[in-house]
């Protein structure tokens, strides 16, 4: 999970991937894009196309397509376009990843590879390694030409449909507000000042200006991008060294903590896709949904909320796992992992002769995801029954209100701004004059009384009480418990 060698990412449990083919009636596949160049080049300016997918990333998703074609061959046989739903975010790396996956799924000997290409370019986060080696050997026997695949990104969806895959600060105001708070909250500050303090100091000693979570995120991204592309490590940071591993841990920890959020925020992020899946599976059970294959191309931020929703990954278990690795102990939470590039969540729907159920697989391993199911199989009835509580009783209308930005007052002309400003200034002047007159009257009266000019004032003049106007601004932080019901009620 935390090893950053380019030869191995993660090989988890998908034994019998080919020998034990399954025949669901529908699958929903949510994938993270393949290996890419770093998002920023502040720590490594050797890249030509920041954020773009690399040749390795294309190979990863081509391999994922081959794995899916092998595992679900019966479902995919003679499938038509009316039985498929394809969608990615607007990032080119997600569209090209999905394109490569489609090549692997439905093409025969159509993908060409570089002469002398390293087999490790085909690494994916999971698989039966024997089966993967067989597929790679078959791929490498195909005709070889320079592999600079540049698929023309297909227009896979309309803009509004992107909300189905990735709910982020860019398309949800509520998420924007919550994530803006986390950088300065106590949980993040504690991680920076205690666990990562020595890491920051060592990196600065090597000449890398890394001093907070935002910078360790960018720095860790640079490390991972070089490792994924089989490039030499940055100066002073061998991939198997502790400092590189600690830097990657900080990058992963911040991504998990910042993206997942607390329960209500997590519900906001999963609601669009989860509610659509409930509709798809219900329609499939009723015979009204023709879909067999749903392919969704997203990011780690598309997968995180579901991993947290199913109690698989959060920043706490990830930290405990890393401490155990450092101590040479077994992982206390073996399924708690960071979704590396080309990671997948797959939901399988089975009609099961009128007793429909759903299975969820994370990187090839079936995991329990319904609270009230006894094992990895969750009946459709249970899924539907648990759905309202799972998404904090959100509705499409509530979700839209939460994610929409509050109305903004639009200034039509300079007069719209000048008039309110003048009225505020005039009010302030009147208030100041009144205060000075009252203060002067009090001083004169007190002076006259002291000199006996006023033997007995008819009415004593009392000093006005000072008034303190307090403006209290409150907002969440990581140590406060979010009152989800209050938020929902406010909406």
Protein backbone atom coordinates (compact mmCIF):
# COMPACT_ATOMS: atom_id res chain seq x y z
CA UNK A 1 0.00 0.00 0.00
CA UNK A 2 2.77 2.40 0.89
CA UNK A 3 5.54 0.92 -1.27
CA UNK A 4 6.50 3.36 -4.00
CA UNK A 5 8.76 1.16 -6.14
CA UNK A 6 7.84 1.36 -9.80
CA UNK A 7 7.87 -2.43 -10.10
CA UNK A 8 4.91 -2.96 -7.79
CA UNK A 9 1.91 -0.83 -6.86
CA UNK A 10 -0.58 -3.11 -5.16
CA UNK A 11 -1.35 -6.75 -5.90
CA UNK A 12 -4.35 -7.67 -3.79
CA UNK A 13 -6.87 -10.44 -3.77
CA UNK A 14 -8.37 -11.36 -7.12
CA UNK A 15 -7.35 -15.01 -7.18
CA UNK A 16 -9.27 -17.01 -9.71
CA UNK A 17 -10.13 -13.95 -11.77
CA UNK A 18 -10.33 -16.01 -14.95
CA UNK A 19 -11.06 -19.46 -13.57
CA UNK A 20 -14.07 -18.20 -11.63
CA UNK A 21 -15.91 -16.03 -14.14
CA UNK A 22 -19.05 -14.42 -12.82
CA UNK A 23 -22.20 -13.57 -14.69
CA UNK A 24 -23.91 -10.53 -13.20
CA UNK A 25 -26.70 -8.86 -15.12
CA UNK A 26 -25.11 -5.41 -14.86
CA UNK A 27 -21.88 -3.83 -13.64
CA UNK A 28 -21.03 -0.26 -12.69
CA UNK A 29 -17.28 0.43 -12.93
CA UNK A 30 -15.81 3.59 -11.38
CA UNK A 31 -12.11 3.97 -12.20
CA UNK A 32 -9.41 6.41 -11.27
CA UNK A 33 -7.43 7.65 -14.27
CA UNK A 34 -4.08 6.10 -15.15
CA UNK A 35 -0.61 7.40 -14.29
CA UNK A 36 -0.16 11.05 -15.23
CA UNK A 37 2.35 13.86 -15.15
CA UNK A 38 2.27 15.95 -11.94
CA UNK A 39 -0.42 18.57 -11.50
CA UNK A 40 2.24 21.21 -10.80
CA UNK A 41 5.90 21.48 -11.70
CA UNK A 42 7.15 23.58 -8.79
CA UNK A 43 9.36 20.75 -7.49
CA UNK A 44 10.12 19.09 -10.82
CA UNK A 45 10.09 21.16 -14.00
CA UNK A 46 11.21 18.34 -16.29
CA UNK A 47 7.67 17.56 -17.47
CA UNK A 48 6.29 18.74 -20.80
CA UNK A 49 2.55 18.18 -20.26
CA UNK A 50 1.52 18.62 -16.60
CA UNK A 51 -1.75 16.88 -15.60
CA UNK A 52 -1.79 14.77 -18.79
CA UNK A 53 -1.87 10.98 -18.85
CA UNK A 54 1.37 9.18 -19.70
CA UNK A 55 2.05 6.14 -21.85
CA UNK A 56 2.12 4.10 -18.65
CA UNK A 57 -1.33 5.42 -17.71
CA UNK A 58 -2.70 4.35 -21.08
CA UNK A 59 -1.24 0.87 -20.66
CA UNK A 60 -2.76 0.55 -17.18
CA UNK A 61 -6.26 1.20 -18.45
CA UNK A 62 -5.79 -0.94 -21.51
CA UNK A 63 -4.90 -3.75 -19.09
CA UNK A 64 -7.96 -2.97 -16.94
CA UNK A 65 -10.11 -3.34 -20.04
CA UNK A 66 -8.51 -6.72 -20.77
CA UNK A 67 -9.18 -7.85 -17.20
CA UNK A 68 -12.83 -6.76 -17.37
CA UNK A 69 -13.28 -8.46 -20.75
CA UNK A 70 -11.94 -11.69 -19.31
CA UNK A 71 -13.90 -11.56 -16.06
CA UNK A 72 -17.25 -10.51 -17.54
CA UNK A 73 -17.05 -12.16 -20.96
CA UNK A 74 -20.56 -13.62 -20.74
CA UNK A 75 -22.14 -10.27 -19.80
CA UNK A 76 -20.27 -8.39 -22.53
CA UNK A 77 -20.86 -10.86 -25.33
CA UNK A 78 -22.81 -9.19 -28.16
CA UNK A 79 -23.36 -6.05 -26.06
CA UNK A 80 -24.78 -3.06 -27.96
CA UNK A 81 -24.27 0.65 -27.48
CA UNK A 82 -27.81 0.94 -26.08
CA UNK A 83 -26.70 -1.34 -23.25
CA UNK A 84 -23.72 0.84 -22.25
CA UNK A 85 -23.41 4.10 -20.36
CA UNK A 86 -20.03 5.84 -20.65
CA UNK A 87 -19.01 8.96 -18.77
CA UNK A 88 -15.90 10.69 -17.52
CA UNK A 89 -15.04 14.02 -15.98
CA UNK A 90 -13.82 16.80 -18.26
CA UNK A 91 -10.15 16.17 -17.52
CA UNK A 92 -8.40 14.82 -20.59
CA UNK A 93 -6.59 12.20 -18.49
CA UNK A 94 -9.91 10.65 -17.44
CA UNK A 95 -11.29 10.64 -20.97
CA UNK A 96 -8.16 9.07 -22.41
CA UNK A 97 -8.08 6.50 -19.60
CA UNK A 98 -11.64 5.51 -20.40
CA UNK A 99 -10.78 5.33 -24.09
CA UNK A 100 -7.85 2.99 -23.39
CA UNK A 101 -10.08 0.85 -21.19
CA UNK A 102 -12.58 0.55 -24.02
CA UNK A 103 -9.77 -0.54 -26.36
CA UNK A 104 -8.89 -3.31 -23.94
CA UNK A 105 -12.51 -4.33 -23.53
CA UNK A 106 -13.62 -4.53 -27.13
CA UNK A 107 -10.63 -4.63 -29.47
CA UNK A 108 -8.49 -7.50 -30.68
CA UNK A 109 -4.83 -6.82 -31.52
CA UNK A 110 -5.62 -3.14 -32.07
CA UNK A 111 -3.24 -1.71 -29.50
CA UNK A 112 0.40 -1.21 -30.46
CA UNK A 113 3.33 -1.00 -28.09
CA UNK A 114 6.84 0.35 -27.96
CA UNK A 115 9.81 -1.75 -28.95
CA UNK A 116 11.49 -3.02 -25.81
CA UNK A 117 8.62 -1.81 -23.64
CA UNK A 118 8.94 -2.71 -19.97
CA UNK A 119 6.32 -5.20 -18.80
CA UNK A 120 5.93 -3.12 -15.66
CA UNK A 121 4.25 -0.45 -17.78
CA UNK A 122 1.19 -2.68 -17.57
CA UNK A 123 0.98 -2.61 -13.78
CA UNK A 124 -2.45 -2.19 -12.23
CA UNK A 125 -3.45 -2.10 -8.57
CA UNK A 126 -4.76 -5.67 -8.50
CA UNK A 127 -5.02 -8.96 -10.34
CA UNK A 128 -4.11 -12.61 -10.39
CA UNK A 129 -0.46 -12.16 -11.30
CA UNK A 130 -0.22 -15.39 -13.31
CA UNK A 131 -3.15 -14.32 -15.48
CA UNK A 132 -1.70 -10.81 -15.88
CA UNK A 133 1.62 -12.22 -17.06
CA UNK A 134 -0.17 -14.33 -19.66
CA UNK A 135 -2.05 -11.30 -20.98
CA UNK A 136 1.14 -9.23 -21.06
CA UNK A 137 2.99 -11.96 -22.98
CA UNK A 138 0.16 -12.01 -25.52
CA UNK A 139 0.19 -8.20 -25.79
CA UNK A 140 3.95 -8.05 -26.28
CA UNK A 141 3.69 -10.50 -29.20
CA UNK A 142 1.51 -8.04 -31.11
CA UNK A 143 2.99 -5.86 -33.85
CA UNK A 144 5.24 -3.18 -32.41
CA UNK A 145 5.28 0.47 -33.41
CA UNK A 146 6.19 3.58 -31.41
CA UNK A 147 3.55 3.88 -28.74
CA UNK A 148 2.47 7.51 -28.54
CA UNK A 149 -1.23 6.91 -28.42
CA UNK A 150 -3.23 10.12 -28.49
CA UNK A 151 -6.84 9.08 -28.53
CA UNK A 152 -9.25 11.77 -29.63
CA UNK A 153 -11.16 12.27 -26.38
CA UNK A 154 -14.78 11.35 -27.10
CA UNK A 155 -17.53 13.65 -25.91
CA UNK A 156 -18.77 11.21 -23.34
CA UNK A 157 -21.32 13.35 -21.53
CA UNK A 158 -22.91 16.73 -21.19
CA UNK A 159 -21.47 19.20 -18.73
CA UNK A 160 -24.24 18.76 -16.18
CA UNK A 161 -23.52 15.04 -16.03
CA UNK A 162 -20.07 15.59 -14.54
CA UNK A 163 -21.79 16.02 -11.19
CA UNK A 164 -22.47 12.30 -11.30
CA UNK A 165 -18.82 11.36 -10.84
CA UNK A 166 -16.95 14.06 -8.92
CA UNK A 167 -18.43 16.44 -6.38
CA UNK A 168 -15.76 18.99 -5.52
CA UNK A 169 -15.32 22.67 -4.60
CA UNK A 170 -15.64 23.42 -8.31
CA UNK A 171 -19.26 22.30 -8.54
CA UNK A 172 -20.59 22.36 -4.96
CA UNK A 173 -20.51 25.44 -2.73
CA UNK A 174 -21.03 23.41 0.46
CA UNK A 175 -17.97 21.27 -0.30
CA UNK A 176 -15.97 24.39 -1.15
CA UNK A 177 -16.75 25.87 2.27
CA UNK A 178 -15.95 22.70 4.21
CA UNK A 179 -12.66 21.98 2.46
CA UNK A 180 -11.52 25.59 2.90
CA UNK A 181 -11.81 25.14 6.66
CA UNK A 182 -9.75 21.97 6.96
CA UNK A 183 -6.32 23.42 6.16
CA UNK A 184 -6.33 25.40 9.43
CA UNK A 185 -8.25 22.98 11.65
CA UNK A 186 -6.65 21.33 14.68
CA UNK A 187 -6.43 17.83 13.17
CA UNK A 188 -4.37 19.03 10.24
CA UNK A 189 -2.27 21.35 12.41
CA UNK A 190 -1.44 18.48 14.74
CA UNK A 191 -0.33 16.27 11.84
CA UNK A 192 1.88 19.07 10.49
CA UNK A 193 3.46 20.02 13.82
CA UNK A 194 4.01 16.52 15.21
CA UNK A 195 4.11 13.58 12.83
CA UNK A 196 5.39 15.43 9.73
CA UNK A 197 7.54 18.06 11.44
CA UNK A 198 10.77 16.08 10.98
CA UNK A 199 9.84 15.26 7.37
CA UNK A 200 9.45 18.95 6.57
CA UNK A 201 12.79 19.75 8.22
CA UNK A 202 14.65 17.01 6.33
CA UNK A 203 13.19 18.07 3.00
CA UNK A 204 14.14 21.68 3.66
CA UNK A 205 17.64 20.47 4.49
CA UNK A 206 17.82 18.99 0.99
CA UNK A 207 16.72 22.28 -0.53
CA UNK A 208 13.01 21.46 -1.02
CA UNK A 209 10.76 24.22 0.32
CA UNK A 210 8.09 22.02 1.93
CA UNK A 211 6.55 23.32 5.15
CA UNK A 212 2.81 22.55 5.14
CA UNK A 213 0.19 20.14 3.81
CA UNK A 214 -0.48 21.96 0.56
CA UNK A 215 3.22 21.84 -0.27
CA UNK A 216 3.69 18.19 0.79
CA UNK A 217 0.75 17.37 -1.47
CA UNK A 218 2.47 18.96 -4.45
CA UNK A 219 5.83 17.45 -3.54
CA UNK A 220 4.43 13.95 -3.01
CA UNK A 221 2.62 14.19 -6.33
CA UNK A 222 5.96 14.97 -8.01
CA UNK A 223 7.55 11.90 -6.42
CA UNK A 224 4.73 9.56 -7.41
CA UNK A 225 4.61 10.86 -10.98
CA UNK A 226 8.31 10.16 -11.47
CA UNK A 227 8.04 6.72 -9.92
CA UNK A 228 5.02 5.81 -12.06
CA UNK A 229 6.88 6.80 -15.23
CA UNK A 230 9.91 4.69 -14.24
CA UNK A 231 12.07 7.82 -13.97
CA UNK A 232 14.97 8.29 -11.53
CA UNK A 233 13.93 9.73 -8.15
CA UNK A 234 14.42 13.35 -7.17
CA UNK A 235 17.83 14.21 -5.73
CA UNK A 236 18.39 12.71 -2.28
CA UNK A 237 15.10 10.79 -2.28
CA UNK A 238 15.50 7.13 -3.30
CA UNK A 239 12.10 5.54 -3.72
CA UNK A 240 12.75 2.93 -1.03
CA UNK A 241 14.09 5.50 1.46
CA UNK A 242 12.20 6.55 4.58
CA UNK A 243 12.06 10.24 3.63
CA UNK A 244 10.39 9.49 0.30
CA UNK A 245 7.94 7.13 2.00
CA UNK A 246 7.15 9.70 4.70
CA UNK A 247 6.58 12.33 2.01
CA UNK A 248 4.21 10.03 0.14
CA UNK A 249 2.39 9.26 3.39
CA UNK A 250 1.87 12.99 4.05
CA UNK A 251 0.56 13.49 0.52
CA UNK A 252 -1.83 10.54 0.84
CA UNK A 253 -2.96 11.50 4.36
CA UNK A 254 -3.88 15.04 3.33
CA UNK A 255 -5.74 13.86 0.24
CA UNK A 256 -7.80 11.40 2.29
CA UNK A 257 -8.51 13.83 5.13
CA UNK A 258 -9.29 16.81 2.94
CA UNK A 259 -11.44 15.04 0.34
CA UNK A 260 -13.48 12.72 2.57
CA UNK A 261 -14.73 15.26 5.11
CA UNK A 262 -17.31 14.38 7.75
CA UNK A 263 -20.48 12.38 7.40
CA UNK A 264 -22.81 14.98 5.92
CA UNK A 265 -20.20 16.23 3.45
CA UNK A 266 -19.50 12.64 2.42
CA UNK A 267 -23.21 12.13 1.79
CA UNK A 268 -23.27 15.21 -0.42
CA UNK A 269 -20.42 13.78 -2.48
CA UNK A 270 -21.85 10.29 -3.03
CA UNK A 271 -25.50 11.25 -3.44
CA UNK A 272 -25.65 11.89 -7.23
CA UNK A 273 -24.02 8.61 -8.26
CA UNK A 274 -25.43 6.50 -5.44
CA UNK A 275 -29.00 7.59 -6.11
CA UNK A 276 -28.49 6.90 -9.82
CA UNK A 277 -27.21 3.40 -9.05
CA UNK A 278 -30.27 2.66 -6.92
CA UNK A 279 -32.41 3.72 -9.89
CA UNK A 280 -30.37 1.59 -12.29
CA UNK A 281 -30.52 -1.53 -10.11
CA UNK A 282 -34.24 -1.09 -9.36
CA UNK A 283 -34.97 -0.69 -13.06
CA UNK A 284 -32.88 -3.77 -13.82
CA UNK A 285 -34.86 -5.82 -11.31
CA UNK A 286 -38.13 -4.58 -12.84
CA UNK A 287 -36.96 -5.26 -16.38
CA UNK A 288 -37.10 -1.60 -17.45
CA UNK A 289 -33.36 -0.85 -17.53
CA UNK A 290 -31.49 -2.16 -20.61
CA UNK A 291 -28.02 -1.24 -19.33
CA UNK A 292 -25.40 -3.94 -18.84
CA UNK A 293 -22.20 -1.92 -18.60
CA UNK A 294 -21.60 1.46 -16.95
CA UNK A 295 -18.05 2.79 -17.27
CA UNK A 296 -17.20 5.92 -15.28
CA UNK A 297 -13.84 7.69 -15.48
CA UNK A 298 -12.93 9.76 -12.46
CA UNK A 299 -10.27 10.66 -9.92
CA UNK A 300 -9.22 9.53 -6.46
CA UNK A 301 -11.66 12.13 -5.14
CA UNK A 302 -14.43 10.20 -6.91
CA UNK A 303 -13.50 7.01 -5.05
CA UNK A 304 -12.60 8.35 -1.58
CA UNK A 305 -16.15 9.18 -0.42
CA UNK A 306 -17.39 5.66 -1.23
CA UNK A 307 -14.44 4.05 0.56
CA UNK A 308 -15.27 6.14 3.60
CA UNK A 309 -19.00 5.51 3.25
CA UNK A 310 -18.33 1.76 3.38
CA UNK A 311 -15.95 2.17 6.35
CA UNK A 312 -12.97 0.98 4.29
CA UNK A 313 -10.61 3.97 4.24
CA UNK A 314 -10.23 7.09 6.36
CA UNK A 315 -7.28 9.16 7.56
CA UNK A 316 -7.22 7.41 10.94
CA UNK A 317 -6.90 3.82 9.73
CA UNK A 318 -4.43 4.95 7.07
CA UNK A 319 -2.23 6.49 9.77
CA UNK A 320 -2.40 3.38 11.93
CA UNK A 321 -1.45 1.19 8.98
CA UNK A 322 1.57 3.35 8.20
CA UNK A 323 2.75 3.26 11.81
CA UNK A 324 2.47 -0.53 11.75
CA UNK A 325 4.51 -0.71 8.54
CA UNK A 326 7.22 1.42 10.13
CA UNK A 327 7.23 -0.88 13.16
CA UNK A 328 7.31 -4.02 11.01
CA UNK A 329 3.93 -5.17 12.30
CA UNK A 330 0.90 -6.58 10.41
CA UNK A 331 -1.60 -4.05 9.11
CA UNK A 332 -4.43 -3.53 11.63
CA UNK A 333 -6.70 -2.43 8.76
CA UNK A 334 -5.68 -4.47 5.69
CA UNK A 335 -8.40 -3.07 3.42
CA UNK A 336 -7.68 0.56 4.31
CA UNK A 337 -5.66 1.85 1.36
CA UNK A 338 -5.15 4.85 -0.87
CA UNK A 339 -6.75 4.43 -4.33
CA UNK A 340 -3.65 4.41 -6.53
CA UNK A 341 -3.85 5.28 -10.22
CA UNK A 342 -6.08 2.82 -12.14
CA UNK A 343 -7.90 1.76 -8.95
CA UNK A 344 -11.49 0.62 -9.41
CA UNK A 345 -14.75 0.24 -7.58
CA UNK A 346 -17.15 -2.22 -9.22
CA UNK A 347 -20.76 -2.79 -8.27
CA UNK A 348 -22.20 -6.04 -9.64
CA UNK A 349 -25.96 -6.52 -9.92
CA UNK A 350 -27.47 -10.03 -9.96
CA UNK A 351 -31.15 -10.69 -10.71
CA UNK A 352 -30.83 -14.02 -8.90
CA UNK A 353 -34.20 -15.46 -10.00
CA UNK A 354 -36.28 -12.71 -8.46
CA UNK A 355 -34.14 -12.16 -5.36
CA UNK A 356 -31.79 -9.47 -6.65
CA UNK A 357 -28.61 -8.52 -4.83
CA UNK A 358 -25.53 -6.36 -5.32
CA UNK A 359 -21.82 -6.97 -4.66
CA UNK A 360 -19.13 -4.30 -4.38
CA UNK A 361 -15.47 -4.91 -5.22
CA UNK A 362 -12.56 -2.59 -4.43
CA UNK A 363 -9.53 -3.37 -6.55
CA UNK A 364 -10.81 -6.86 -7.17
CA UNK A 365 -11.76 -7.79 -3.61
CA UNK A 366 -15.42 -8.15 -2.63
CA UNK A 367 -16.11 -6.22 0.57
CA UNK A 368 -19.18 -5.80 2.75
CA UNK A 369 -20.85 -2.47 2.05
CA UNK A 370 -24.40 -2.73 3.45
CA UNK A 371 -24.68 -2.34 7.21
CA UNK A 372 -27.44 -4.90 7.62
CA UNK A 373 -26.14 -7.58 5.28
CA UNK A 374 -24.44 -10.65 6.68
CA UNK A 375 -21.73 -10.82 4.02
CA UNK A 376 -20.55 -9.20 0.81
CA UNK A 377 -23.90 -9.78 -0.91
CA UNK A 378 -26.43 -7.03 -0.21
CA UNK A 379 -30.02 -7.62 -1.26
CA UNK A 380 -31.57 -4.90 -3.37
CA UNK A 381 -34.29 -4.47 -0.75
CA UNK A 382 -31.66 -3.84 1.93
CA UNK A 383 -29.80 -1.40 -0.30
CA UNK A 384 -32.99 0.57 -0.96
CA UNK A 385 -34.02 0.47 2.69
CA UNK A 386 -30.65 1.77 3.90
CA UNK A 387 -30.28 4.38 1.19
CA UNK A 388 -32.03 7.37 2.90
CA UNK A 389 -29.94 7.08 6.06
CA UNK A 390 -26.79 6.32 4.06
CA UNK A 391 -27.06 9.67 2.29
CA UNK A 392 -28.23 11.63 5.36
CA UNK A 393 -31.79 11.80 3.96
CA UNK A 394 -30.76 14.04 1.11
CA UNK A 395 -33.13 14.58 -1.79
CA UNK A 396 -32.32 16.01 -5.22
CA UNK A 397 -33.84 19.32 -4.15
CA UNK A 398 -31.86 19.50 -0.90
CA UNK A 399 -28.67 18.53 -2.67
CA UNK A 400 -29.18 21.27 -5.27
CA UNK A 401 -29.77 23.88 -2.58
CA UNK A 402 -26.70 22.85 -0.62
CA UNK A 403 -24.38 22.84 -3.61
CA UNK A 404 -25.69 26.03 -5.20
CA UNK A 405 -23.92 29.24 -4.27
CA UNK A 406 -25.96 31.76 -2.25
CA UNK A 407 -27.50 34.57 -4.29
CA UNK A 408 -25.14 37.45 -4.96
CA UNK A 409 -26.32 41.08 -5.13
CA UNK A 410 -25.48 42.39 -8.56
CA UNK A 411 -24.52 46.09 -8.80
CA UNK A 412 -26.13 47.47 -11.91
CA UNK A 413 -24.54 50.93 -11.76
CA UNK A 414 -22.20 53.09 -9.71
CA UNK A 415 -25.21 54.74 -8.10
CA UNK A 416 -26.23 51.37 -6.61
CA UNK A 417 -22.95 51.35 -4.71
CA UNK A 418 -22.62 55.09 -3.96
CA UNK A 419 -26.08 55.61 -2.40
CA UNK A 420 -25.78 52.93 0.31
CA UNK A 421 -22.25 54.12 1.08
CA UNK A 422 -23.37 57.74 1.48
CA UNK A 423 -26.23 56.71 3.75
CA UNK A 424 -23.83 54.75 5.96
CA UNK A 425 -21.45 57.70 6.19
CA UNK A 426 -24.31 60.14 6.96
CA UNK A 427 -25.61 57.83 9.69
CA UNK A 428 -22.17 57.58 11.24
CA UNK A 429 -21.78 61.39 11.27
CA UNK A 430 -25.17 61.88 12.95
CA UNK A 431 -24.28 59.28 15.56
CA UNK A 432 -20.93 60.93 16.29
CA UNK A 433 -22.52 64.41 16.65
CA UNK A 434 -25.15 63.05 19.03
CA UNK A 435 -22.50 61.36 21.14
CA UNK A 436 -20.40 64.54 21.37
CA UNK A 437 -23.41 66.71 22.35
CA UNK A 438 -24.44 64.31 25.08
CA UNK A 439 -20.87 64.06 26.38
CA UNK A 440 -20.50 67.87 26.42
CA UNK A 441 -23.79 68.31 28.30
CA UNK A 442 -22.70 65.78 30.91
CA UNK A 443 -19.32 67.52 31.44
CA UNK A 444 -20.92 71.02 31.80
CA UNK A 445 -23.57 69.76 34.20
CA UNK A 446 -21.04 67.98 36.40
CA UNK A 447 -18.78 71.07 36.44
CA UNK A 448 -21.62 73.41 37.44
CA UNK A 449 -22.82 71.05 40.15
CA UNK A 450 -19.33 70.78 41.61
CA UNK A 451 -19.05 74.57 41.90
CA UNK A 452 -22.47 74.89 43.52
CA UNK A 453 -23.99 76.63 40.58
CA UNK A 454 -26.58 73.91 40.52
CA UNK A 455 -27.55 73.23 44.10
CA UNK A 456 -29.94 70.41 43.34
CA UNK A 457 -30.33 69.41 39.75
CA UNK A 458 -33.95 68.83 38.97
CA UNK A 459 -33.00 65.66 37.24
CA UNK A 460 -29.65 63.97 37.57
CA UNK A 461 -27.89 63.30 34.33
CA UNK A 462 -26.49 59.81 34.25
CA UNK A 463 -23.62 58.68 32.11
CA UNK A 464 -24.84 56.53 29.31
CA UNK A 465 -23.82 52.91 29.66
CA UNK A 466 -21.22 51.79 27.21
CA UNK A 467 -22.53 49.27 24.79
CA UNK A 468 -20.32 46.56 23.38
CA UNK A 469 -21.41 45.13 20.08
CA UNK A 470 -20.07 41.65 19.64
CA UNK A 471 -20.09 39.90 16.36
CA UNK A 472 -19.51 36.24 16.79
CA UNK A 473 -18.54 34.21 13.74
CA UNK A 474 -18.75 30.47 14.11
CA UNK A 475 -17.91 27.77 11.72
CA UNK A 476 -16.92 24.15 11.77
CA UNK A 477 -13.55 22.72 12.53
CA UNK A 478 -12.40 19.15 12.72
CA UNK A 479 -12.95 18.90 16.48
CA UNK A 480 -16.54 20.07 16.37
CA UNK A 481 -19.34 17.62 15.78
CA UNK A 482 -21.35 18.62 12.75
CA UNK A 483 -25.03 18.75 13.45
CA UNK A 484 -26.21 17.10 10.28
CA UNK A 485 -29.86 17.34 11.19
CA UNK A 486 -29.53 21.07 11.71
CA UNK A 487 -27.89 21.49 8.34
CA UNK A 488 -30.57 19.45 6.68
CA UNK A 489 -33.31 21.35 8.46
CA UNK A 490 -31.81 24.67 7.39
CA UNK A 491 -32.02 23.56 3.80
